[in-house]
């Protein structure tokens, strides 16, 4: 039987620094001189081993996105955004192609409802030795109302979301359009934080590699629906068409 659960080391978890709620706490990602186990760096973007590897049987890494602790992916210049996404995709693929892991997760948490602990913008790439993180991922979770598209890349809002209620997707089938994928991801993040709902301060960004294509899913985060927690039943809003049109009018018209 394949493994379905990851073991979380609570002893290590209790040592992790926290700056999302307590912004007065010192930020370890700002203290660049004392960072250890750096694996690669491009300008202010730093790829390093996670100092607090709370997940057993994994290899946990972090991408520090910028040296500006108060910034956010939705605010980056196009040059920095494109460099960051390209940098992250490269290291994600390198880990996937290494043959050392059963699967590799690439994701980002932002905000107090996202499950993250540090405010400083960062992403994570985690190699799983014994678990297939994509085993229950369905292609239909990335289908829905089209917001925008061009050859090789498509931007949609899920009609069959994994969790609900609104989930933005980007599908990349042509690696030459990676910068356009990054632009769509930034649009989704900016919309979620600025136009989606006045109380929305959090989102998750997930990357997937399925049947030769790269997918990204941007999920606004609130308190999780009890129907999903208790029964695994996702819900989709009856207003996804309206939201898709609003995003298009705000950013792509």
Protein backbone atom coordinates (compact mmCIF):
# COMPACT_ATOMS: atom_id res chain seq x y z
CA UNK A 1 0.00 0.00 0.00
CA UNK A 2 1.39 3.40 -0.98
CA UNK A 3 2.05 5.97 1.72
CA UNK A 4 -0.76 8.50 2.22
CA UNK A 5 0.46 10.57 5.16
CA UNK A 6 3.55 12.63 5.94
CA UNK A 7 4.99 12.51 9.45
CA UNK A 8 5.32 16.00 10.99
CA UNK A 9 8.08 16.35 13.56
CA UNK A 10 6.44 18.48 16.26
CA UNK A 11 9.70 18.94 18.17
CA UNK A 12 11.29 20.67 15.19
CA UNK A 13 8.06 22.49 14.41
CA UNK A 14 8.01 24.10 17.85
CA UNK A 15 11.39 25.71 17.09
CA UNK A 16 10.34 27.42 13.86
CA UNK A 17 10.40 31.23 13.88
CA UNK A 18 7.13 33.10 13.23
CA UNK A 19 6.76 36.56 11.72
CA UNK A 20 3.32 36.53 10.08
CA UNK A 21 1.39 37.34 13.27
CA UNK A 22 4.29 38.67 15.35
CA UNK A 23 5.97 41.05 12.95
CA UNK A 24 8.23 42.34 15.73
CA UNK A 25 10.10 39.00 15.72
CA UNK A 26 13.38 38.99 13.83
CA UNK A 27 13.23 37.56 10.32
CA UNK A 28 15.86 34.87 9.57
CA UNK A 29 15.57 35.46 5.81
CA UNK A 30 16.59 39.10 6.23
CA UNK A 31 19.79 38.04 8.01
CA UNK A 32 21.48 36.94 4.79
CA UNK A 33 24.99 36.89 6.31
CA UNK A 34 23.99 34.06 8.64
CA UNK A 35 22.08 31.90 6.16
CA UNK A 36 23.51 28.39 5.84
CA UNK A 37 23.31 25.55 3.31
CA UNK A 38 22.81 27.87 0.34
CA UNK A 39 22.40 25.77 -2.82
CA UNK A 40 22.14 28.51 -5.46
CA UNK A 41 21.62 32.24 -5.77
CA UNK A 42 20.59 34.68 -8.48
CA UNK A 43 20.69 38.29 -7.33
CA UNK A 44 18.44 38.61 -4.28
CA UNK A 45 16.85 35.19 -4.95
CA UNK A 46 18.39 32.52 -2.71
CA UNK A 47 17.82 28.75 -2.82
CA UNK A 48 18.79 26.91 0.36
CA UNK A 49 18.04 23.92 2.55
CA UNK A 50 15.21 24.40 5.02
CA UNK A 51 16.72 24.91 8.49
CA UNK A 52 13.62 23.35 10.10
CA UNK A 53 12.84 20.13 8.17
CA UNK A 54 9.61 19.23 9.94
CA UNK A 55 8.52 16.59 7.41
CA UNK A 56 10.13 13.19 7.84
CA UNK A 57 11.47 11.24 4.82
CA UNK A 58 11.69 14.40 2.76
CA UNK A 59 14.26 16.87 1.47
CA UNK A 60 13.00 20.38 2.25
CA UNK A 61 14.29 23.49 0.53
CA UNK A 62 13.32 27.16 0.46
CA UNK A 63 13.52 29.86 -2.19
CA UNK A 64 13.85 33.32 -0.63
CA UNK A 65 12.18 35.41 -3.33
CA UNK A 66 13.59 38.84 -2.59
CA UNK A 67 15.58 40.84 -0.05
CA UNK A 68 12.52 43.04 0.59
CA UNK A 69 10.74 41.47 3.57
CA UNK A 70 7.59 43.56 3.13
CA UNK A 71 7.17 42.91 -0.60
CA UNK A 72 4.98 40.26 -2.24
CA UNK A 73 4.83 38.34 -5.52
CA UNK A 74 1.94 40.49 -6.76
CA UNK A 75 4.16 43.59 -6.47
CA UNK A 76 7.34 42.40 -8.24
CA UNK A 77 8.67 44.04 -11.37
CA UNK A 78 8.24 41.92 -14.48
CA UNK A 79 11.98 41.25 -14.68
CA UNK A 80 12.14 40.00 -11.09
CA UNK A 81 8.92 38.01 -11.44
CA UNK A 82 10.10 36.23 -14.59
CA UNK A 83 13.52 35.50 -13.09
CA UNK A 84 11.95 34.10 -9.93
CA UNK A 85 9.50 31.76 -11.66
CA UNK A 86 12.16 30.56 -14.08
CA UNK A 87 14.59 29.99 -11.19
CA UNK A 88 12.00 28.05 -9.21
CA UNK A 89 10.86 25.91 -12.14
CA UNK A 90 14.49 25.06 -12.94
CA UNK A 91 15.26 23.78 -9.44
CA UNK A 92 11.92 21.99 -9.17
CA UNK A 93 12.64 20.11 -12.41
CA UNK A 94 16.18 19.32 -11.29
CA UNK A 95 14.83 17.68 -8.14
CA UNK A 96 12.15 15.80 -10.08
CA UNK A 97 14.71 14.56 -12.59
CA UNK A 98 17.26 13.54 -9.95
CA UNK A 99 15.60 10.16 -9.42
CA UNK A 100 15.90 10.56 -5.64
CA UNK A 101 12.24 11.20 -4.91
CA UNK A 102 8.87 9.62 -5.55
CA UNK A 103 7.45 13.11 -6.12
CA UNK A 104 8.40 16.75 -5.60
CA UNK A 105 6.14 19.53 -4.37
CA UNK A 106 6.66 23.17 -5.35
CA UNK A 107 4.45 25.72 -3.59
CA UNK A 108 4.11 29.08 -1.87
CA UNK A 109 2.20 30.23 1.21
CA UNK A 110 1.25 33.86 1.74
CA UNK A 111 -0.69 35.35 4.62
CA UNK A 112 -2.01 34.25 8.01
CA UNK A 113 -4.57 31.78 6.59
CA UNK A 114 -2.12 30.10 4.22
CA UNK A 115 -0.39 27.76 6.66
CA UNK A 116 2.91 29.61 6.53
CA UNK A 117 4.94 30.98 9.44
CA UNK A 118 7.24 33.61 7.90
CA UNK A 119 6.06 36.85 6.27
CA UNK A 120 9.22 37.25 4.17
CA UNK A 121 8.28 36.19 0.60
CA UNK A 122 9.43 32.65 -0.07
CA UNK A 123 8.57 29.43 -1.87
CA UNK A 124 9.28 25.82 -0.97
CA UNK A 125 10.42 22.80 -2.97
CA UNK A 126 10.04 19.53 -1.08
CA UNK A 127 11.19 16.14 -2.32
CA UNK A 128 9.07 13.26 -1.00
CA UNK A 129 10.90 9.95 -0.75
CA UNK A 130 7.93 7.64 -0.23
CA UNK A 131 4.77 9.51 -1.19
CA UNK A 132 3.26 10.48 -4.55
CA UNK A 133 1.90 13.98 -4.00
CA UNK A 134 0.17 13.88 -7.40
CA UNK A 135 -1.67 10.58 -6.92
CA UNK A 136 -5.05 12.22 -6.34
CA UNK A 137 -4.64 15.21 -8.66
CA UNK A 138 -7.20 15.28 -11.49
CA UNK A 139 -6.83 17.24 -14.72
CA UNK A 140 -10.45 18.34 -14.38
CA UNK A 141 -9.40 20.39 -11.34
CA UNK A 142 -7.61 22.75 -13.76
CA UNK A 143 -10.47 23.14 -16.22
CA UNK A 144 -13.06 25.89 -16.16
CA UNK A 145 -13.94 29.37 -17.36
CA UNK A 146 -11.23 30.86 -19.56
CA UNK A 147 -9.97 34.26 -18.47
CA UNK A 148 -7.29 34.60 -21.14
CA UNK A 149 -5.16 32.39 -23.37
CA UNK A 150 -2.66 32.35 -26.16
CA UNK A 151 -0.80 29.57 -27.89
CA UNK A 152 0.99 27.49 -25.26
CA UNK A 153 -0.53 29.00 -22.11
CA UNK A 154 -4.05 29.32 -20.65
CA UNK A 155 -5.49 31.19 -17.64
CA UNK A 156 -8.73 29.81 -16.14
CA UNK A 157 -11.00 29.75 -13.11
CA UNK A 158 -11.89 26.24 -11.94
CA UNK A 159 -15.38 24.87 -12.54
CA UNK A 160 -14.38 21.72 -10.59
CA UNK A 161 -11.99 23.04 -7.92
CA UNK A 162 -10.01 20.77 -5.63
CA UNK A 163 -11.24 22.51 -2.48
CA UNK A 164 -13.32 25.54 -3.58
CA UNK A 165 -14.77 28.05 -3.97
CA UNK A 166 -12.59 30.01 -6.40
CA UNK A 167 -9.33 28.55 -7.76
CA UNK A 168 -7.27 30.22 -10.48
CA UNK A 169 -5.28 28.00 -12.84
CA UNK A 170 -2.50 28.50 -15.36
CA UNK A 171 -1.59 25.72 -17.78
CA UNK A 172 1.74 25.89 -19.62
CA UNK A 173 2.25 23.59 -22.59
CA UNK A 174 5.03 25.60 -24.27
CA UNK A 175 8.09 26.36 -22.12
CA UNK A 176 8.79 29.40 -24.30
CA UNK A 177 5.72 30.99 -22.71
CA UNK A 178 7.01 30.70 -19.14
CA UNK A 179 7.10 34.49 -18.71
CA UNK A 180 3.44 34.70 -19.72
CA UNK A 181 2.63 32.02 -17.16
CA UNK A 182 4.38 34.14 -14.53
CA UNK A 183 2.33 37.17 -15.59
CA UNK A 184 -0.92 35.22 -15.18
CA UNK A 185 0.17 33.97 -11.75
CA UNK A 186 0.94 37.54 -10.68
CA UNK A 187 -2.45 38.76 -11.94
CA UNK A 188 -4.23 36.08 -9.92
CA UNK A 189 -2.25 36.90 -6.75
CA UNK A 190 -2.86 40.63 -7.15
CA UNK A 191 -6.58 40.13 -7.75
CA UNK A 192 -6.93 37.87 -4.72
CA UNK A 193 -5.22 40.37 -2.39
CA UNK A 194 -6.71 43.57 -3.80
CA UNK A 195 -10.05 42.95 -5.52
CA UNK A 196 -11.39 39.56 -4.52
CA UNK A 197 -12.78 40.09 -1.00
CA UNK A 198 -11.96 42.79 1.51
CA UNK A 199 -11.00 40.24 4.19
CA UNK A 200 -8.80 38.07 1.96
CA UNK A 201 -5.16 38.44 3.00
CA UNK A 202 -3.89 34.97 2.15
CA UNK A 203 -3.39 32.58 -0.74
CA UNK A 204 -1.52 29.45 -1.71
CA UNK A 205 0.30 28.88 -5.00
CA UNK A 206 0.89 25.28 -6.09
CA UNK A 207 2.78 23.91 -9.10
CA UNK A 208 2.14 20.55 -10.77
CA UNK A 209 3.72 18.64 -13.64
CA UNK A 210 1.09 16.49 -15.33
CA UNK A 211 1.28 14.68 -18.67
CA UNK A 212 4.05 16.92 -19.97
CA UNK A 213 2.46 20.24 -18.98
CA UNK A 214 3.18 22.58 -16.07
CA UNK A 215 0.17 23.76 -14.09
CA UNK A 216 -0.12 26.42 -11.42
CA UNK A 217 -3.08 26.81 -9.07
CA UNK A 218 -3.68 29.95 -7.04
CA UNK A 219 -6.12 29.47 -4.16
CA UNK A 220 -7.51 32.33 -2.00
CA UNK A 221 -7.47 31.19 1.63
CA UNK A 222 -10.13 31.65 4.27
CA UNK A 223 -11.29 29.27 6.99
CA UNK A 224 -11.63 25.90 5.26
CA UNK A 225 -15.17 24.77 4.49
CA UNK A 226 -16.44 22.18 7.01
CA UNK A 227 -17.88 20.16 4.11
CA UNK A 228 -14.37 19.78 2.73
CA UNK A 229 -12.81 19.06 6.14
CA UNK A 230 -15.39 16.49 7.14
CA UNK A 231 -16.42 14.92 3.85
CA UNK A 232 -13.90 15.98 1.21
CA UNK A 233 -16.68 17.72 -0.75
CA UNK A 234 -15.45 20.79 -2.67
CA UNK A 235 -17.83 23.61 -3.56
CA UNK A 236 -17.78 25.95 -6.55
CA UNK A 237 -19.36 29.39 -6.61
CA UNK A 238 -22.15 30.20 -9.04
CA UNK A 239 -20.28 33.44 -9.79
CA UNK A 240 -17.08 32.09 -11.34
CA UNK A 241 -18.08 33.54 -14.71
CA UNK A 242 -18.51 36.99 -13.16
CA UNK A 243 -15.13 36.79 -11.44
CA UNK A 244 -13.39 35.61 -14.62
CA UNK A 245 -14.87 38.57 -16.52
CA UNK A 246 -13.83 41.02 -13.79
CA UNK A 247 -10.22 39.78 -13.84
CA UNK A 248 -10.15 40.10 -17.62
CA UNK A 249 -11.54 43.66 -17.49
CA UNK A 250 -9.13 44.75 -14.72
CA UNK A 251 -5.91 43.30 -16.09
CA UNK A 252 -6.25 42.11 -19.67
CA UNK A 253 -8.52 44.53 -21.53
